[in-house]
C-alpha atoms as a PDB file:
ATOM      1  CA  MET A   1    -195.499 -93.579  11.519  1.00  0.00           C
ATOM      2  CA  THR A   2    -193.164 -96.520  11.637  1.00  0.00           C
ATOM      3  CA  GLY A   3    -190.820 -98.069   9.105  1.00  0.00           C
ATOM      4  CA  LYS A   4    -190.313 -96.294   5.822  1.00  0.00           C
ATOM      5  CA  ILE A   5    -191.779 -92.865   5.164  1.00  0.00           C
ATOM      6  CA  ARG A   6    -194.707 -93.411   2.803  1.00  0.00           C
ATOM      7  CA  LEU A   7    -194.981 -90.710   0.159  1.00  0.00           C
ATOM      8  CA  GLY A   8    -197.512 -89.655  -2.430  1.00  0.00           C
ATOM      9  CA  ILE A   9    -196.818 -87.409  -5.405  1.00  0.00           C
ATOM     10  CA  VAL A  10    -199.441 -85.008  -6.745  1.00  0.00           C
ATOM     11  CA  GLY A  11    -198.665 -84.101 -10.343  1.00  0.00           C
ATOM     12  CA  TYR A  12    -196.437 -86.088 -12.683  1.00  0.00           C
ATOM     13  CA  GLY A  13    -194.747 -83.475 -14.819  1.00  0.00           C
ATOM     14  CA  ASN A  14    -190.998 -82.825 -14.722  1.00  0.00           C
ATOM     15  CA  LEU A  15    -191.022 -82.103 -10.985  1.00  0.00           C
ATOM     16  CA  GLY A  16    -193.159 -85.140 -10.147  1.00  0.00           C
ATOM     17  CA  LYS A  17    -190.912 -87.400 -12.207  1.00  0.00           C
ATOM     18  CA  GLY A  18    -187.917 -85.934 -10.406  1.00  0.00           C
ATOM     19  CA  ALA A  19    -189.568 -86.646  -7.059  1.00  0.00           C
ATOM     20  CA  GLU A  20    -190.043 -90.282  -8.022  1.00  0.00           C
ATOM     21  CA  LEU A  21    -186.336 -90.548  -8.886  1.00  0.00           C
ATOM     22  CA  ALA A  22    -185.373 -88.873  -5.587  1.00  0.00           C
ATOM     23  CA  ILE A  23    -187.562 -91.182  -3.500  1.00  0.00           C
ATOM     24  CA  ALA A  24    -185.881 -94.198  -5.112  1.00  0.00           C
ATOM     25  CA  LYS A  25    -182.490 -92.926  -3.873  1.00  0.00           C
ATOM     26  CA  ASN A  26    -183.621 -92.632  -0.234  1.00  0.00           C
ATOM     27  CA  PRO A  27    -183.729 -96.027   1.499  1.00  0.00           C
ATOM     28  CA  ASP A  28    -185.935 -94.725   4.316  1.00  0.00           C
ATOM     29  CA  MET A  29    -188.721 -93.783   1.878  1.00  0.00           C
ATOM     30  CA  GLU A  30    -191.196 -95.449  -0.439  1.00  0.00           C
ATOM     31  CA  LEU A  31    -193.581 -94.167  -3.074  1.00  0.00           C
ATOM     32  CA  VAL A  32    -197.147 -95.290  -2.454  1.00  0.00           C
ATOM     33  CA  ALA A  33    -199.067 -93.484  -5.184  1.00  0.00           C
ATOM     34  CA  VAL A  34    -198.960 -90.830  -7.890  1.00  0.00           C
ATOM     35  CA  PHE A  35    -202.045 -88.639  -8.235  1.00  0.00           C
ATOM     36  CA  THR A  36    -202.827 -87.029 -11.569  1.00  0.00           C
ATOM     37  CA  ARG A  37    -205.506 -84.994 -13.345  1.00  0.00           C
ATOM     38  CA  ARG A  38    -204.811 -86.975 -16.499  1.00  0.00           C
ATOM     39  CA  GLU A  39    -206.294 -90.357 -17.278  1.00  0.00           C
ATOM     40  CA  PRO A  40    -204.407 -92.645 -14.824  1.00  0.00           C
ATOM     41  CA  ALA A  41    -204.059 -95.448 -17.364  1.00  0.00           C
ATOM     42  CA  ALA A  42    -202.093 -93.092 -19.622  1.00  0.00           C
ATOM     43  CA  VAL A  43    -199.519 -92.233 -16.917  1.00  0.00           C
ATOM     44  CA  LYS A  44    -196.605 -94.663 -16.801  1.00  0.00           C
ATOM     45  CA  ILE A  45    -194.392 -94.522 -13.705  1.00  0.00           C
ATOM     46  CA  ASN A  46    -191.197 -96.395 -12.906  1.00  0.00           C
ATOM     47  CA  THR A  47    -191.936 -97.587  -9.371  1.00  0.00           C
ATOM     48  CA  GLU A  48    -193.263-101.110  -9.033  1.00  0.00           C
ATOM     49  CA  ASN A  49    -196.186-101.534  -6.623  1.00  0.00           C
ATOM     50  CA  ALA A  50    -196.974 -97.798  -6.587  1.00  0.00           C
ATOM     51  CA  ARG A  51    -200.431 -96.863  -7.808  1.00  0.00           C
ATOM     52  CA  VAL A  52    -201.530 -94.147 -10.228  1.00  0.00           C
ATOM     53  CA  LEU A  53    -204.825 -92.566  -9.186  1.00  0.00           C
ATOM     54  CA  PRO A  54    -206.879 -89.483 -10.033  1.00  0.00           C
ATOM     55  CA  VAL A  55    -206.387 -86.503  -7.737  1.00  0.00           C
ATOM     56  CA  SER A  56    -210.059 -86.764  -6.822  1.00  0.00           C
ATOM     57  CA  ARG A  57    -209.303 -90.020  -4.987  1.00  0.00           C
ATOM     58  CA  ALA A  58    -206.450 -88.675  -2.880  1.00  0.00           C
ATOM     59  CA  GLU A  59    -208.505 -88.465   0.301  1.00  0.00           C
ATOM     60  CA  GLU A  60    -209.127 -92.220   0.144  1.00  0.00           C
ATOM     61  CA  MET A  61    -205.382 -92.754   0.691  1.00  0.00           C
ATOM     62  CA  ALA A  62    -205.051 -90.569   3.790  1.00  0.00           C
ATOM     63  CA  ALA A  63    -204.273 -93.500   6.089  1.00  0.00           C
ATOM     64  CA  GLU A  64    -201.624 -94.912   3.730  1.00  0.00           C
ATOM     65  CA  ILE A  65    -199.544 -91.798   3.030  1.00  0.00           C
ATOM     66  CA  ASP A  66    -197.339 -89.978   5.539  1.00  0.00           C
ATOM     67  CA  VAL A  67    -196.486 -86.993   3.335  1.00  0.00           C
ATOM     68  CA  MET A  68    -197.821 -85.692   0.023  1.00  0.00           C
ATOM     69  CA  VAL A  69    -195.211 -84.117  -2.246  1.00  0.00           C
ATOM     70  CA  LEU A  70    -197.097 -81.438  -4.197  1.00  0.00           C
ATOM     71  CA  CYS A  71    -195.571 -81.023  -7.644  1.00  0.00           C
ATOM     72  CA  GLY A  72    -198.073 -78.726  -9.328  1.00  0.00           C
ATOM     73  CA  GLY A  73    -197.354 -75.252 -10.629  1.00  0.00           C
ATOM     74  CA  SER A  74    -197.515 -72.123  -8.506  1.00  0.00           C
ATOM     75  CA  ALA A  75    -199.626 -70.106 -10.928  1.00  0.00           C
ATOM     76  CA  THR A  76    -202.858 -72.114 -10.624  1.00  0.00           C
ATOM     77  CA  ASP A  77    -202.296 -75.614  -9.186  1.00  0.00           C
ATOM     78  CA  LEU A  78    -200.875 -75.025  -5.711  1.00  0.00           C
ATOM     79  CA  PRO A  79    -203.167 -72.151  -4.678  1.00  0.00           C
ATOM     80  CA  GLU A  80    -206.094 -74.550  -5.164  1.00  0.00           C
ATOM     81  CA  GLN A  81    -204.582 -77.947  -4.315  1.00  0.00           C
ATOM     82  CA  GLY A  82    -202.349 -76.873  -1.441  1.00  0.00           C
ATOM     83  CA  PRO A  83    -204.938 -75.824   1.161  1.00  0.00           C
ATOM     84  CA  MET A  84    -207.272 -78.654   0.128  1.00  0.00           C
ATOM     85  CA  LEU A  85    -204.620 -81.345   0.608  1.00  0.00           C
ATOM     86  CA  ALA A  86    -203.135 -79.690   3.716  1.00  0.00           C
ATOM     87  CA  GLY A  87    -206.437 -80.412   5.409  1.00  0.00           C
ATOM     88  CA  LYS A  88    -205.920 -84.155   4.902  1.00  0.00           C
ATOM     89  CA  PHE A  89    -202.170 -84.819   4.679  1.00  0.00           C
ATOM     90  CA  ASN A  90    -198.770 -83.625   5.774  1.00  0.00           C
ATOM     91  CA  THR A  91    -197.465 -81.839   2.678  1.00  0.00           C
ATOM     92  CA  VAL A  92    -194.382 -80.284   1.153  1.00  0.00           C
ATOM     93  CA  ASP A  93    -194.438 -77.997  -1.886  1.00  0.00           C
ATOM     94  CA  SER A  94    -192.337 -75.621  -3.975  1.00  0.00           C
ATOM     95  CA  PHE A  95    -194.682 -72.624  -4.219  1.00  0.00           C
ATOM     96  CA  ASP A  96    -192.426 -70.018  -5.802  1.00  0.00           C
ATOM     97  CA  THR A  97    -194.422 -66.841  -6.445  1.00  0.00           C
ATOM     98  CA  HIS A  98    -192.386 -64.786  -3.972  1.00  0.00           C
ATOM     99  CA  ALA A  99    -194.802 -61.878  -3.683  1.00  0.00           C
ATOM    100  CA  LYS A 100    -197.679 -64.192  -2.783  1.00  0.00           C
ATOM    101  CA  ILE A 101    -195.874 -66.391  -0.242  1.00  0.00           C
ATOM    102  CA  PRO A 102    -197.305 -64.589   2.844  1.00  0.00           C
ATOM    103  CA  GLU A 103    -200.848 -65.050   1.538  1.00  0.00           C
ATOM    104  CA  TYR A 104    -200.203 -68.686   0.603  1.00  0.00           C
ATOM    105  CA  TYR A 105    -198.550 -69.357   3.970  1.00  0.00           C
ATOM    106  CA  ALA A 106    -201.604 -68.040   5.816  1.00  0.00           C
ATOM    107  CA  ARG A 107    -203.971 -70.294   3.880  1.00  0.00           C
ATOM    108  CA  MET A 108    -201.773 -73.359   4.321  1.00  0.00           C
ATOM    109  CA  ASP A 109    -201.253 -72.632   8.016  1.00  0.00           C
ATOM    110  CA  ALA A 110    -204.977 -72.380   8.628  1.00  0.00           C
ATOM    111  CA  ALA A 111    -205.705 -75.653   6.833  1.00  0.00           C
ATOM    112  CA  ALA A 112    -202.821 -77.644   8.330  1.00  0.00           C
ATOM    113  CA  SER A 113    -203.288 -76.324  11.874  1.00  0.00           C
ATOM    114  CA  ALA A 114    -206.994 -77.169  11.876  1.00  0.00           C
ATOM    115  CA  ALA A 115    -206.225 -80.704  10.691  1.00  0.00           C
ATOM    116  CA  HIS A 116    -203.235 -81.188  13.050  1.00  0.00           C
ATOM    117  CA  LYS A 117    -200.945 -81.659  10.039  1.00  0.00           C
ATOM    118  CA  VAL A 118    -197.637 -80.163   8.867  1.00  0.00           C
ATOM    119  CA  SER A 119    -197.216 -78.276   5.591  1.00  0.00           C
ATOM    120  CA  ILE A 120    -193.716 -77.179   4.607  1.00  0.00           C
ATOM    121  CA  ILE A 121    -194.131 -74.597   1.847  1.00  0.00           C
ATOM    122  CA  SER A 122    -191.904 -72.928  -0.747  1.00  0.00           C
ATOM    123  CA  ILE A 123    -189.157 -75.541  -0.599  1.00  0.00           C
ATOM    124  CA  GLY A 124    -186.583 -75.874  -3.352  1.00  0.00           C
ATOM    125  CA  TRP A 125    -183.609 -73.706  -4.130  1.00  0.00           C
ATOM    126  CA  ASP A 126    -185.320 -70.338  -4.593  1.00  0.00           C
ATOM    127  CA  PRO A 127    -187.414 -69.982  -2.591  1.00  0.00           C
ATOM    128  CA  GLY A 128    -185.706 -72.464  -0.286  1.00  0.00           C
ATOM    129  CA  LEU A 129    -181.935 -72.812  -0.082  1.00  0.00           C
ATOM    130  CA  PHE A 130    -181.346 -69.310  -1.454  1.00  0.00           C
ATOM    131  CA  SER A 131    -183.808 -67.927   1.101  1.00  0.00           C
ATOM    132  CA  LEU A 132    -181.894 -69.584   3.927  1.00  0.00           C
ATOM    133  CA  ASN A 133    -178.578 -68.199   2.693  1.00  0.00           C
ATOM    134  CA  ARG A 134    -180.012 -64.708   2.307  1.00  0.00           C
ATOM    135  CA  MET A 135    -181.110 -64.858   5.940  1.00  0.00           C
ATOM    136  CA  LEU A 136    -177.757 -66.185   7.161  1.00  0.00           C
ATOM    137  CA  ALA A 137    -175.735 -63.632   5.207  1.00  0.00           C
ATOM    138  CA  GLU A 138    -177.768 -60.725   6.560  1.00  0.00           C
ATOM    139  CA  ALA A 139    -177.304 -62.020  10.107  1.00  0.00           C
ATOM    140  CA  PHE A 140    -173.540 -62.456   9.664  1.00  0.00           C
ATOM    141  CA  LEU A 141    -172.910 -59.191   7.781  1.00  0.00           C
ATOM    142  CA  PRO A 142    -175.492 -56.604   8.857  1.00  0.00           C
ATOM    143  CA  ALA A 143    -173.471 -53.841   7.176  1.00  0.00           C
ATOM    144  CA  GLY A 144    -173.814 -54.687   3.525  1.00  0.00           C
ATOM    145  CA  ARG A 145    -176.044 -55.180   0.515  1.00  0.00           C
ATOM    146  CA  GLN A 146    -177.562 -58.386  -0.808  1.00  0.00           C
ATOM    147  CA  TYR A 147    -178.120 -59.622  -4.356  1.00  0.00           C
ATOM    148  CA  THR A 148    -179.662 -62.695  -5.959  1.00  0.00           C
ATOM    149  CA  PHE A 149    -178.876 -63.697  -9.531  1.00  0.00           C
ATOM    150  CA  TRP A 150    -180.605 -66.565 -11.333  1.00  0.00           C
ATOM    151  CA  GLY A 151    -179.473 -68.432 -14.433  1.00  0.00           C
ATOM    152  CA  ARG A 152    -178.619 -68.788 -17.124  1.00  0.00           C
ATOM    153  CA  GLY A 153    -181.285 -71.470 -16.994  1.00  0.00           C
ATOM    154  CA  VAL A 154    -184.877 -72.615 -17.264  1.00  0.00           C
ATOM    155  CA  SER A 155    -187.357 -71.374 -14.684  1.00  0.00           C
ATOM    156  CA  GLN A 156    -190.011 -74.034 -14.065  1.00  0.00           C
ATOM    157  CA  GLY A 157    -192.527 -71.625 -12.546  1.00  0.00           C
ATOM    158  CA  HIS A 158    -192.179 -69.008 -15.286  1.00  0.00           C
ATOM    159  CA  SER A 159    -192.302 -71.638 -18.026  1.00  0.00           C
ATOM    160  CA  ASP A 160    -195.451 -73.098 -16.464  1.00  0.00           C
ATOM    161  CA  ALA A 161    -197.022 -69.636 -16.380  1.00  0.00           C
ATOM    162  CA  ILE A 162    -196.369 -69.242 -20.129  1.00  0.00           C
ATOM    163  CA  ARG A 163    -197.893 -72.635 -20.896  1.00  0.00           C
ATOM    164  CA  ARG A 164    -201.099 -71.663 -19.055  1.00  0.00           C
ATOM    165  CA  ILE A 165    -201.772 -68.846 -21.541  1.00  0.00           C
ATOM    166  CA  PRO A 166    -204.516 -69.701 -24.052  1.00  0.00           C
ATOM    167  CA  GLY A 167    -203.045 -70.418 -27.468  1.00  0.00           C
ATOM    168  CA  VAL A 168    -199.653 -71.610 -26.188  1.00  0.00           C
ATOM    169  CA  LYS A 169    -198.811 -75.176 -27.179  1.00  0.00           C
ATOM    170  CA  TYR A 170    -195.275 -75.253 -25.787  1.00  0.00           C
ATOM    171  CA  GLY A 171    -193.354 -72.639 -23.844  1.00  0.00           C
ATOM    172  CA  ILE A 172    -190.116 -72.224 -21.980  1.00  0.00           C
ATOM    173  CA  GLN A 173    -188.419 -69.302 -20.239  1.00  0.00           C
ATOM    174  CA  TYR A 174    -184.705 -68.788 -19.680  1.00  0.00           C
ATOM    175  CA  THR A 175    -183.540 -66.439 -16.938  1.00  0.00           C
ATOM    176  CA  ILE A 176    -180.301 -64.694 -17.904  1.00  0.00           C
ATOM    177  CA  PRO A 177    -178.257 -62.611 -15.447  1.00  0.00           C
ATOM    178  CA  VAL A 178    -176.899 -59.342 -16.788  1.00  0.00           C
ATOM    179  CA  ALA A 179    -173.152 -59.981 -16.868  1.00  0.00           C
ATOM    180  CA  GLU A 180    -172.150 -56.369 -16.168  1.00  0.00           C
ATOM    181  CA  ALA A 181    -174.349 -56.217 -13.063  1.00  0.00           C
ATOM    182  CA  LEU A 182    -172.944 -59.480 -11.735  1.00  0.00           C
ATOM    183  CA  GLU A 183    -169.371 -58.281 -12.204  1.00  0.00           C
ATOM    184  CA  ARG A 184    -170.090 -54.995 -10.405  1.00  0.00           C
ATOM    185  CA  VAL A 185    -171.437 -56.901  -7.397  1.00  0.00           C
ATOM    186  CA  ARG A 186    -168.547 -59.354  -7.212  1.00  0.00           C
ATOM    187  CA  SER A 187    -166.073 -56.490  -7.380  1.00  0.00           C
ATOM    188  CA  GLY A 188    -167.502 -55.074  -4.152  1.00  0.00           C
ATOM    189  CA  GLU A 189    -168.972 -51.966  -5.776  1.00  0.00           C
ATOM    190  CA  ASN A 190    -172.334 -52.517  -3.997  1.00  0.00           C
ATOM    191  CA  PRO A 191    -174.455 -50.991  -6.781  1.00  0.00           C
ATOM    192  CA  VAL A 192    -178.167 -50.262  -6.401  1.00  0.00           C
ATOM    193  CA  LEU A 193    -179.842 -52.519  -8.974  1.00  0.00           C
ATOM    194  CA  THR A 194    -183.469 -52.938  -9.985  1.00  0.00           C
ATOM    195  CA  VAL A 195    -184.818 -56.334 -11.060  1.00  0.00           C
ATOM    196  CA  ARG A 196    -184.637 -55.069 -14.643  1.00  0.00           C
ATOM    197  CA  ASP A 197    -180.958 -54.204 -14.157  1.00  0.00           C
ATOM    198  CA  ARG A 198    -180.160 -57.740 -12.977  1.00  0.00           C
ATOM    199  CA  HIS A 199    -181.992 -60.144 -15.290  1.00  0.00           C
ATOM    200  CA  ILE A 200    -183.412 -60.749 -18.734  1.00  0.00           C
ATOM    201  CA  ARG A 201    -186.406 -63.072 -19.259  1.00  0.00           C
ATOM    202  CA  ASP A 202    -185.956 -64.934 -22.567  1.00  0.00           C
ATOM    203  CA  CYS A 203    -189.106 -66.803 -23.683  1.00  0.00           C
ATOM    204  CA  TYR A 204    -189.581 -69.288 -26.532  1.00  0.00           C
ATOM    205  CA  VAL A 205    -193.115 -70.200 -27.523  1.00  0.00           C
ATOM    206  CA  VAL A 206    -194.881 -72.548 -29.917  1.00  0.00           C
ATOM    207  CA  ALA A 207    -198.319 -71.107 -30.657  1.00  0.00           C
ATOM    208  CA  GLU A 208    -201.378 -73.127 -31.547  1.00  0.00           C
ATOM    209  CA  PRO A 209    -202.372 -72.699 -35.213  1.00  0.00           C
ATOM    210  CA  GLY A 210    -204.545 -69.664 -35.821  1.00  0.00           C
ATOM    211  CA  THR A 211    -203.828 -67.921 -32.509  1.00  0.00           C
ATOM    212  CA  ASP A 212    -202.812 -64.276 -32.162  1.00  0.00           C
ATOM    213  CA  LYS A 213    -199.098 -64.324 -31.472  1.00  0.00           C
ATOM    214  CA  GLU A 214    -198.954 -60.619 -30.661  1.00  0.00           C
ATOM    215  CA  GLU A 215    -201.637 -61.087 -28.011  1.00  0.00           C
ATOM    216  CA  ILE A 216    -199.696 -64.012 -26.497  1.00  0.00           C
ATOM    217  CA  ALA A 217    -196.536 -61.884 -26.410  1.00  0.00           C
ATOM    218  CA  ARG A 218    -198.393 -58.974 -24.770  1.00  0.00           C
ATOM    219  CA  THR A 219    -199.880 -61.319 -22.171  1.00  0.00           C
ATOM    220  CA  ILE A 220    -196.449 -62.682 -21.300  1.00  0.00           C
ATOM    221  CA  ARG A 221    -194.748 -59.296 -21.048  1.00  0.00           C
ATOM    222  CA  SER A 222    -197.505 -57.830 -18.864  1.00  0.00           C
ATOM    223  CA  MET A 223    -197.805 -60.746 -16.428  1.00  0.00           C
ATOM    224  CA  PRO A 224    -197.270 -59.401 -12.871  1.00  0.00           C
ATOM    225  CA  HIS A 225    -194.758 -61.145 -10.565  1.00  0.00           C
ATOM    226  CA  TYR A 226    -193.386 -63.098 -13.541  1.00  0.00           C
ATOM    227  CA  PHE A 227    -192.452 -60.823 -16.465  1.00  0.00           C
ATOM    228  CA  ALA A 228    -193.829 -57.292 -16.144  1.00  0.00           C
ATOM    229  CA  GLU A 229    -190.921 -56.021 -14.044  1.00  0.00           C
ATOM    230  CA  TYR A 230    -188.200 -57.378 -16.361  1.00  0.00           C
ATOM    231  CA  GLU A 231    -186.822 -56.940 -19.838  1.00  0.00           C
ATOM    232  CA  THR A 232    -188.746 -59.803 -21.437  1.00  0.00           C
ATOM    233  CA  ARG A 233    -188.026 -61.189 -24.877  1.00  0.00           C
ATOM    234  CA  VAL A 234    -190.599 -63.414 -26.620  1.00  0.00           C
ATOM    235  CA  THR A 235    -189.582 -65.502 -29.629  1.00  0.00           C
ATOM    236  CA  PHE A 236    -191.996 -67.777 -31.510  1.00  0.00           C
ATOM    237  CA  VAL A 237    -190.470 -70.976 -32.883  1.00  0.00           C
ATOM    238  CA  THR A 238    -191.707 -74.066 -34.669  1.00  0.00           C
ATOM    239  CA  GLU A 239    -192.610 -77.203 -32.766  1.00  0.00           C
ATOM    240  CA  GLU A 240    -189.715 -79.017 -34.415  1.00  0.00           C
ATOM    241  CA  GLU A 241    -187.210 -76.362 -33.323  1.00  0.00           C
ATOM    242  CA  PHE A 242    -188.649 -76.278 -29.815  1.00  0.00           C
ATOM    243  CA  LYS A 243    -188.283 -80.035 -29.361  1.00  0.00           C
ATOM    244  CA  ARG A 244    -184.781 -79.972 -30.827  1.00  0.00           C
ATOM    245  CA  VAL A 245    -183.393 -77.005 -28.881  1.00  0.00           C
ATOM    246  CA  HIS A 246    -185.550 -76.286 -25.831  1.00  0.00           C
ATOM    247  CA  THR A 247    -186.204 -79.512 -23.912  1.00  0.00           C
ATOM    248  CA  ALA A 248    -183.333 -79.510 -21.380  1.00  0.00           C
ATOM    249  CA  THR A 249    -183.888 -77.951 -17.944  1.00  0.00           C
ATOM    250  CA  PRO A 250    -180.589 -76.516 -16.640  1.00  0.00           C
ATOM    251  CA  HIS A 251    -180.567 -73.719 -14.098  1.00  0.00           C
ATOM    252  CA  GLY A 252    -178.617 -72.218 -11.233  1.00  0.00           C
ATOM    253  CA  GLY A 253    -177.637 -68.926  -9.744  1.00  0.00           C
ATOM    254  CA  CYS A 254    -176.129 -67.317  -6.696  1.00  0.00           C
ATOM    255  CA  VAL A 255    -176.838 -65.336  -3.562  1.00  0.00           C
ATOM    256  CA  ILE A 256    -174.197 -62.677  -2.936  1.00  0.00           C
ATOM    257  CA  HIS A 257    -173.939 -60.509   0.152  1.00  0.00           C
ATOM    258  CA  SER A 258    -171.308 -57.814  -0.123  1.00  0.00           C
ATOM    259  CA  GLY A 259    -170.537 -56.367   3.265  1.00  0.00           C
ATOM    260  CA  ASN A 260    -167.845 -54.911   5.454  1.00  0.00           C
ATOM    261  CA  THR A 261    -166.492 -55.274   8.967  1.00  0.00           C
ATOM    262  CA  GLY A 262    -164.069 -53.350  11.122  1.00  0.00           C
ATOM    263  CA  ALA A 263    -164.481 -50.163  13.150  1.00  0.00           C
ATOM    264  CA  CYS A 264    -164.619 -48.028   9.996  1.00  0.00           C
ATOM    265  CA  GLY A 265    -165.840 -50.702   7.575  1.00  0.00           C
ATOM    266  CA  GLU A 266    -162.334 -51.089   6.216  1.00  0.00           C
ATOM    267  CA  HIS A 267    -162.525 -54.845   5.568  1.00  0.00           C
ATOM    268  CA  LYS A 268    -164.586 -56.036   2.616  1.00  0.00           C
ATOM    269  CA  GLN A 269    -166.361 -59.367   3.086  1.00  0.00           C
ATOM    270  CA  LEU A 270    -168.126 -61.256   0.279  1.00  0.00           C
ATOM    271  CA  PHE A 271    -170.562 -64.082   1.070  1.00  0.00           C
ATOM    272  CA  GLU A 272    -171.607 -66.178  -1.948  1.00  0.00           C
ATOM    273  CA  PHE A 273    -173.705 -69.324  -2.244  1.00  0.00           C
ATOM    274  CA  SER A 274    -174.167 -70.725  -5.734  1.00  0.00           C
ATOM    275  CA  LEU A 275    -175.696 -73.624  -7.620  1.00  0.00           C
ATOM    276  CA  LYS A 276    -175.125 -74.954 -11.137  1.00  0.00           C
ATOM    277  CA  LEU A 277    -177.745 -77.512 -12.115  1.00  0.00           C
ATOM    278  CA  ASP A 278    -178.048 -79.777 -15.151  1.00  0.00           C
ATOM    279  CA  SER A 279    -181.658 -80.507 -14.180  1.00  0.00           C
ATOM    280  CA  ASN A 280    -183.619 -77.878 -12.300  1.00  0.00           C
ATOM    281  CA  PRO A 281    -186.664 -80.120 -11.612  1.00  0.00           C
ATOM    282  CA  GLU A 282    -184.592 -83.091 -10.444  1.00  0.00           C
ATOM    283  CA  PHE A 283    -182.607 -80.974  -7.999  1.00  0.00           C
ATOM    284  CA  THR A 284    -185.728 -79.184  -6.753  1.00  0.00           C
ATOM    285  CA  ALA A 285    -187.410 -82.571  -6.310  1.00  0.00           C
ATOM    286  CA  GLY A 286    -184.447 -83.798  -4.275  1.00  0.00           C
ATOM    287  CA  VAL A 287    -184.866 -80.855  -1.901  1.00  0.00           C
ATOM    288  CA  LEU A 288    -188.622 -81.451  -1.660  1.00  0.00           C
ATOM    289  CA  VAL A 289    -188.185 -85.112  -0.810  1.00  0.00           C
ATOM    290  CA  ALA A 290    -185.592 -84.365   1.875  1.00  0.00           C
ATOM    291  CA  TYR A 291    -187.992 -81.877   3.461  1.00  0.00           C
ATOM    292  CA  ALA A 292    -190.738 -84.504   3.346  1.00  0.00           C
ATOM    293  CA  ARG A 293    -188.577 -86.334   5.886  1.00  0.00           C
ATOM    294  CA  ALA A 294    -188.537 -83.184   7.999  1.00  0.00           C
ATOM    295  CA  ALA A 295    -192.321 -82.915   7.753  1.00  0.00           C
ATOM    296  CA  CYS A 296    -192.610 -86.397   9.267  1.00  0.00           C
ATOM    297  CA  ARG A 297    -190.345 -85.467  12.156  1.00  0.00           C
ATOM    298  CA  LEU A 298    -192.197 -82.232  12.865  1.00  0.00           C
ATOM    299  CA  TYR A 299    -195.490 -84.137  12.759  1.00  0.00           C
ATOM    300  CA  ARG A 300    -194.205 -86.665  15.286  1.00  0.00           C
ATOM    301  CA  GLU A 301    -193.313 -83.778  17.611  1.00  0.00           C
ATOM    302  CA  GLY A 302    -196.762 -82.228  17.226  1.00  0.00           C
ATOM    303  CA  GLN A 303    -195.472 -79.056  15.553  1.00  0.00           C
ATOM    304  CA  TYR A 304    -198.513 -78.563  13.351  1.00  0.00           C
ATOM    305  CA  GLY A 305    -199.251 -75.863  10.819  1.00  0.00           C
ATOM    306  CA  ALA A 306    -197.344 -74.317   7.922  1.00  0.00           C
ATOM    307  CA  LYS A 307    -193.555 -74.096   8.028  1.00  0.00           C
ATOM    308  CA  THR A 308    -190.897 -72.575   5.806  1.00  0.00           C
ATOM    309  CA  ILE A 309    -187.232 -73.407   5.446  1.00  0.00           C
ATOM    310  CA  PHE A 310    -186.546 -70.908   8.258  1.00  0.00           C
ATOM    311  CA  ASP A 311    -188.573 -73.013  10.718  1.00  0.00           C
ATOM    312  CA  VAL A 312    -187.098 -76.468  10.051  1.00  0.00           C
ATOM    313  CA  PRO A 313    -184.042 -77.669  12.013  1.00  0.00           C
ATOM    314  CA  PRO A 314    -181.391 -78.655   9.445  1.00  0.00           C
ATOM    315  CA  ALA A 315    -180.861 -82.036  11.127  1.00  0.00           C
ATOM    316  CA  PHE A 316    -184.493 -82.958  10.401  1.00  0.00           C
ATOM    317  CA  VAL A 317    -183.699 -83.034   6.675  1.00  0.00           C
ATOM    318  CA  SER A 318    -180.958 -85.655   6.979  1.00  0.00           C
ATOM    319  CA  PRO A 319    -181.591 -89.403   7.284  1.00  0.00           C
ATOM    320  CA  TRP A 320    -178.621 -89.649   9.658  1.00  0.00           C
ATOM    321  CA  PRO A 321    -178.990 -89.641  13.450  1.00  0.00           C
ATOM    322  CA  ALA A 322    -177.636 -86.665  15.388  1.00  0.00           C
ATOM    323  CA  ASP A 323    -174.558 -88.482  16.709  1.00  0.00           C
ATOM    324  CA  LYS A 324    -173.461 -89.428  13.185  1.00  0.00           C
ATOM    325  CA  LEU A 325    -173.975 -85.851  11.970  1.00  0.00           C
ATOM    326  CA  ARG A 326    -171.769 -84.568  14.801  1.00  0.00           C
ATOM    327  CA  ARG A 327    -169.125 -87.215  14.188  1.00  0.00           C
ATOM    328  CA  GLU A 328    -168.879 -87.024  10.393  1.00  0.00           C
ATOM    329  CA  LEU A 329    -170.107 -83.598   9.243  1.00  0.00           C
ATOM    330  CA  LEU A 330    -169.528 -81.175  12.099  1.00  0.00           C
END
């Protein structure tokens, strides 16, 4: 690989569009092609000279793309597309079904290792940046308790899971932290909280005409890994109301580690990392694109196979050389 890092994008929904915007802001990168399951002629992108092609033709572009940025959903897209593309390309993705990450990692590692490629999985802010801060906080404060709060904001993965349900025309899910639980943690109380104690899942759905709304609601509330473990509210709205009220994609949250130090634990220490995002997909895409740079560097070093945020040296994410990082950021 020489010159600019040549990227492809698989999937051109909100995350794929965000990836295109992020690539345009990185002078060491260029977008070569967008791959879609839709009719390519119907997909309009903003990057001159980049091509729009069907996903079925991705393999033809293997020699022209350094890293594929996989922007499909975690519910159905990535489990199928990830291992297939990892056998042909270096990849980076935002697989976010936490309970299934070990299984997904194993499949991606097998495919990428056999092909002598690099696949950085589950990159974004959670999993991703929040994961890294959870690890750091536990290492720094082994005597303590850790908490993650998300929202209030739109979860891309959970919203995508709703939209995959038969009979759903439009769907969105807001994650809302329980204010009382958050205050108890920040006060240093160190409460034991279940997932239901910490968050509410607030869903808004436009149903296709003639569909069984009660069945859609039951399907949402019983969905494992997404809604079954939480207090989940499902509200059906009109298409007009949905488009008027529910099209923005803010999100955010925080990782809090409440610990203590001292011979008798007499000193309270609170570690907190937080994000407040106007656009969840655009921020997530920015993280993905930065880690595409890291995938190139790992590939050049021959470090093949699947990687997570724990395995990637932080300097590999930055476009700056090591001496500039030491001089200006250290």
